[in-house]
């Protein structure tokens, strides 16, 4: 491996440890729940999940788990 690539790998590791560098704007996630799989979308501060609980509460265990996982890397969450 060349020295340029070694430097890039080291830089990537440093970046990965600095969560404040990242701000997710939009993503889609296939979520393996305990009872079934779900599909979660995040777009411009708004979560959407295909589970029944989300439809009535606008939040669910799947979206909250992603909020915890991506703490400090999401913009302010908006109500749908």
N, C-alpha and C. Protein backbone atom coordinates (compact mmCIF):
# COMPACT_ATOMS: atom_id res chain seq x y z
N UNK A 1 0.85 -1.17 0.00
CA UNK A 1 0.00 0.00 0.00
C UNK A 1 0.90 1.24 0.00
N UNK A 2 0.54 2.21 -0.82
CA UNK A 2 1.39 3.40 -0.91
C UNK A 2 1.15 4.35 0.26
N UNK A 3 2.09 5.24 0.49
CA UNK A 3 2.03 6.15 1.64
C UNK A 3 0.84 7.10 1.53
N UNK A 4 0.45 7.47 0.32
CA UNK A 4 -0.71 8.34 0.14
C UNK A 4 -1.98 7.70 0.67
N UNK A 5 -2.15 6.41 0.38
CA UNK A 5 -3.34 5.69 0.85
C UNK A 5 -3.30 5.51 2.36
N UNK A 6 -2.15 5.24 2.91
CA UNK A 6 -2.01 5.10 4.37
C UNK A 6 -2.42 6.41 5.05
N UNK A 7 -2.01 7.53 4.50
CA UNK A 7 -2.39 8.83 5.05
C UNK A 7 -3.90 9.04 4.98
N UNK A 8 -4.53 8.63 3.87
CA UNK A 8 -5.98 8.79 3.72
C UNK A 8 -6.73 7.90 4.70
N UNK A 9 -6.25 6.71 4.94
CA UNK A 9 -6.88 5.80 5.92
C UNK A 9 -6.80 6.40 7.31
N UNK A 10 -5.65 6.93 7.68
CA UNK A 10 -5.50 7.58 9.00
C UNK A 10 -6.45 8.77 9.13
N UNK A 11 -6.55 9.56 8.07
CA UNK A 11 -7.43 10.73 8.09
C UNK A 11 -8.89 10.27 8.23
N UNK A 12 -9.27 9.25 7.52
CA UNK A 12 -10.64 8.73 7.60
C UNK A 12 -10.96 8.26 9.02
N UNK A 13 -10.03 7.61 9.67
CA UNK A 13 -10.24 7.16 11.06
C UNK A 13 -10.43 8.35 11.99
N UNK A 14 -9.65 9.40 11.80
CA UNK A 14 -9.81 10.61 12.62
C UNK A 14 -11.18 11.24 12.38
N UNK A 15 -11.56 11.35 11.11
CA UNK A 15 -12.87 11.91 10.78
C UNK A 15 -13.99 11.11 11.44
N UNK A 16 -13.91 9.79 11.37
CA UNK A 16 -14.96 8.93 11.91
C UNK A 16 -15.15 9.12 13.41
N UNK A 17 -14.11 9.52 14.10
CA UNK A 17 -14.19 9.76 15.55
C UNK A 17 -14.77 11.13 15.88
N UNK A 18 -14.88 12.00 14.90
CA UNK A 18 -15.36 13.37 15.11
C UNK A 18 -16.78 13.49 14.55
N UNK A 19 -17.74 13.02 15.34
CA UNK A 19 -19.13 12.96 14.90
C UNK A 19 -19.68 14.31 14.46
N UNK A 20 -19.16 15.38 15.02
CA UNK A 20 -19.67 16.71 14.68
C UNK A 20 -19.41 17.09 13.23
N UNK A 21 -18.56 16.35 12.55
CA UNK A 21 -18.29 16.62 11.13
C UNK A 21 -19.44 16.18 10.23
N UNK A 22 -20.31 15.32 10.74
CA UNK A 22 -21.35 14.70 9.91
C UNK A 22 -22.72 15.29 10.23
N UNK A 23 -23.49 15.55 9.19
CA UNK A 23 -24.87 15.98 9.36
C UNK A 23 -25.70 15.28 8.27
N UNK A 24 -26.46 14.28 8.68
CA UNK A 24 -27.27 13.53 7.74
C UNK A 24 -28.47 14.37 7.31
N UNK A 25 -28.70 14.45 6.03
CA UNK A 25 -29.82 15.20 5.47
C UNK A 25 -30.93 14.26 4.99
N UNK A 26 -30.53 13.13 4.41
CA UNK A 26 -31.51 12.20 3.84
C UNK A 26 -30.92 10.80 3.80
N UNK A 27 -31.72 9.81 4.22
CA UNK A 27 -31.29 8.42 4.10
C UNK A 27 -32.50 7.50 4.21
N UNK A 28 -32.30 6.25 3.79
CA UNK A 28 -33.30 5.20 3.89
C UNK A 28 -32.66 4.02 4.58
N UNK A 29 -33.43 3.38 5.47
CA UNK A 29 -32.89 2.27 6.25
C UNK A 29 -33.87 1.11 6.26
N UNK A 30 -33.38 -0.08 6.01
CA UNK A 30 -34.16 -1.30 6.25
C UNK A 30 -33.85 -1.71 7.69
N UNK A 31 -34.87 -1.77 8.50
CA UNK A 31 -34.72 -1.99 9.94
C UNK A 31 -35.27 -3.36 10.29
N UNK A 32 -34.45 -4.23 10.87
CA UNK A 32 -34.91 -5.56 11.29
C UNK A 32 -35.44 -5.47 12.71
N UNK A 33 -36.75 -5.38 12.83
CA UNK A 33 -37.38 -5.32 14.14
C UNK A 33 -37.52 -6.70 14.76
N UNK A 34 -37.99 -6.75 16.00
CA UNK A 34 -38.18 -8.03 16.68
C UNK A 34 -39.27 -8.87 16.02
N UNK A 35 -40.33 -8.22 15.56
CA UNK A 35 -41.47 -8.95 15.00
C UNK A 35 -41.51 -8.95 13.48
N UNK A 36 -40.99 -7.93 12.86
CA UNK A 36 -40.95 -7.86 11.40
C UNK A 36 -39.96 -6.78 10.98
N UNK A 37 -39.70 -6.73 9.70
CA UNK A 37 -38.80 -5.73 9.15
C UNK A 37 -39.59 -4.46 8.83
N UNK A 38 -38.91 -3.33 8.93
CA UNK A 38 -39.55 -2.04 8.65
C UNK A 38 -38.64 -1.20 7.78
N UNK A 39 -39.25 -0.21 7.17
CA UNK A 39 -38.56 0.70 6.27
C UNK A 39 -38.66 2.09 6.85
N UNK A 40 -37.52 2.73 7.11
CA UNK A 40 -37.48 4.06 7.71
C UNK A 40 -36.80 5.01 6.73
N UNK A 41 -37.41 6.18 6.57
CA UNK A 41 -36.85 7.24 5.72
C UNK A 41 -36.62 8.47 6.58
N UNK A 42 -35.50 9.13 6.36
CA UNK A 42 -35.22 10.42 6.98
C UNK A 42 -34.96 11.40 5.87
N UNK A 43 -35.69 12.50 5.86
CA UNK A 43 -35.54 13.50 4.80
C UNK A 43 -35.78 14.89 5.37
N UNK A 44 -34.77 15.72 5.34
CA UNK A 44 -34.86 17.12 5.76
C UNK A 44 -35.48 17.29 7.15
N UNK A 45 -34.99 16.52 8.10
CA UNK A 45 -35.43 16.66 9.49
C UNK A 45 -36.68 15.90 9.85
N UNK A 46 -37.21 15.08 8.94
CA UNK A 46 -38.45 14.35 9.19
C UNK A 46 -38.25 12.86 9.00
N UNK A 47 -38.66 12.09 10.01
CA UNK A 47 -38.65 10.63 9.91
C UNK A 47 -39.99 10.14 9.40
N UNK A 48 -39.95 9.01 8.69
CA UNK A 48 -41.16 8.26 8.33
C UNK A 48 -40.82 6.79 8.50
N UNK A 49 -41.74 6.05 9.12
CA UNK A 49 -41.56 4.61 9.29
C UNK A 49 -42.86 3.93 8.87
N UNK A 50 -42.76 2.74 8.33
CA UNK A 50 -43.95 2.04 7.87
C UNK A 50 -44.65 1.22 8.96
N UNK A 51 -44.20 1.32 10.21
CA UNK A 51 -44.85 0.53 11.28
C UNK A 51 -46.15 1.21 11.74
N UNK A 52 -47.05 0.42 12.30
CA UNK A 52 -48.35 0.92 12.75
C UNK A 52 -48.22 1.98 13.84
N UNK A 53 -47.30 1.79 14.78
CA UNK A 53 -47.15 2.73 15.89
C UNK A 53 -46.77 4.12 15.37
N UNK A 54 -45.90 4.17 14.38
CA UNK A 54 -45.47 5.46 13.84
C UNK A 54 -46.65 6.21 13.23
N UNK A 55 -47.54 5.50 12.57
CA UNK A 55 -48.68 6.15 11.92
C UNK A 55 -49.55 6.93 12.90
N UNK A 56 -49.63 6.47 14.13
CA UNK A 56 -50.48 7.14 15.10
C UNK A 56 -49.71 8.08 16.04
N UNK A 57 -48.39 7.90 16.16
CA UNK A 57 -47.61 8.68 17.13
C UNK A 57 -46.52 9.56 16.52
N UNK A 58 -46.23 9.38 15.23
CA UNK A 58 -45.18 10.11 14.52
C UNK A 58 -43.78 9.87 15.05
N UNK A 59 -43.63 8.93 15.93
CA UNK A 59 -42.35 8.42 16.44
C UNK A 59 -42.56 6.96 16.77
N UNK A 60 -41.50 6.21 16.76
CA UNK A 60 -41.59 4.79 17.12
C UNK A 60 -40.21 4.33 17.59
N UNK A 61 -40.13 3.11 18.04
CA UNK A 61 -38.86 2.56 18.50
C UNK A 61 -37.80 2.54 17.42
N UNK A 62 -38.22 2.38 16.17
CA UNK A 62 -37.27 2.32 15.06
C UNK A 62 -36.65 3.70 14.81
N UNK A 63 -37.48 4.74 14.78
CA UNK A 63 -36.95 6.09 14.55
C UNK A 63 -36.16 6.58 15.76
N UNK A 64 -36.62 6.25 16.97
CA UNK A 64 -35.89 6.67 18.16
C UNK A 64 -34.53 5.98 18.26
N UNK A 65 -34.46 4.72 17.83
CA UNK A 65 -33.17 4.01 17.83
C UNK A 65 -32.19 4.70 16.90
N UNK A 66 -32.67 5.16 15.75
CA UNK A 66 -31.80 5.88 14.82
C UNK A 66 -31.39 7.23 15.37
N UNK A 67 -32.29 7.90 16.08
CA UNK A 67 -31.93 9.17 16.72
C UNK A 67 -30.80 8.96 17.72
N UNK A 68 -30.88 7.87 18.48
CA UNK A 68 -29.83 7.57 19.47
C UNK A 68 -28.52 7.22 18.75
N UNK A 69 -28.62 6.37 17.75
CA UNK A 69 -27.43 5.93 17.01
C UNK A 69 -26.72 7.10 16.33
N UNK A 70 -27.50 8.03 15.80
CA UNK A 70 -26.94 9.15 15.03
C UNK A 70 -26.91 10.45 15.83
N UNK A 71 -26.90 10.34 17.14
CA UNK A 71 -26.90 11.51 18.02
C UNK A 71 -25.85 12.53 17.56
N UNK A 72 -26.26 13.76 17.51
CA UNK A 72 -25.42 14.88 17.09
C UNK A 72 -25.09 14.89 15.60
N UNK A 73 -25.65 13.95 14.83
CA UNK A 73 -25.39 13.91 13.40
C UNK A 73 -26.66 14.13 12.58
N UNK A 74 -27.76 14.51 13.27
CA UNK A 74 -29.01 14.80 12.59
C UNK A 74 -29.39 16.26 12.85
N UNK A 75 -30.01 16.91 11.87
CA UNK A 75 -30.53 18.25 12.15
C UNK A 75 -31.70 18.14 13.12
N UNK A 76 -32.22 19.25 13.57
CA UNK A 76 -33.37 19.23 14.48
C UNK A 76 -34.50 18.44 13.85
N UNK A 77 -35.09 17.52 14.62
CA UNK A 77 -36.17 16.68 14.13
C UNK A 77 -37.46 17.48 14.09
N UNK A 78 -38.14 17.42 12.94
CA UNK A 78 -39.42 18.10 12.76
C UNK A 78 -40.55 17.10 12.94
N UNK A 79 -41.71 17.55 13.39
CA UNK A 79 -42.90 16.70 13.41
C UNK A 79 -43.42 16.60 12.00
N UNK A 80 -43.86 15.40 11.65
CA UNK A 80 -44.38 15.19 10.29
C UNK A 80 -45.69 15.92 10.06
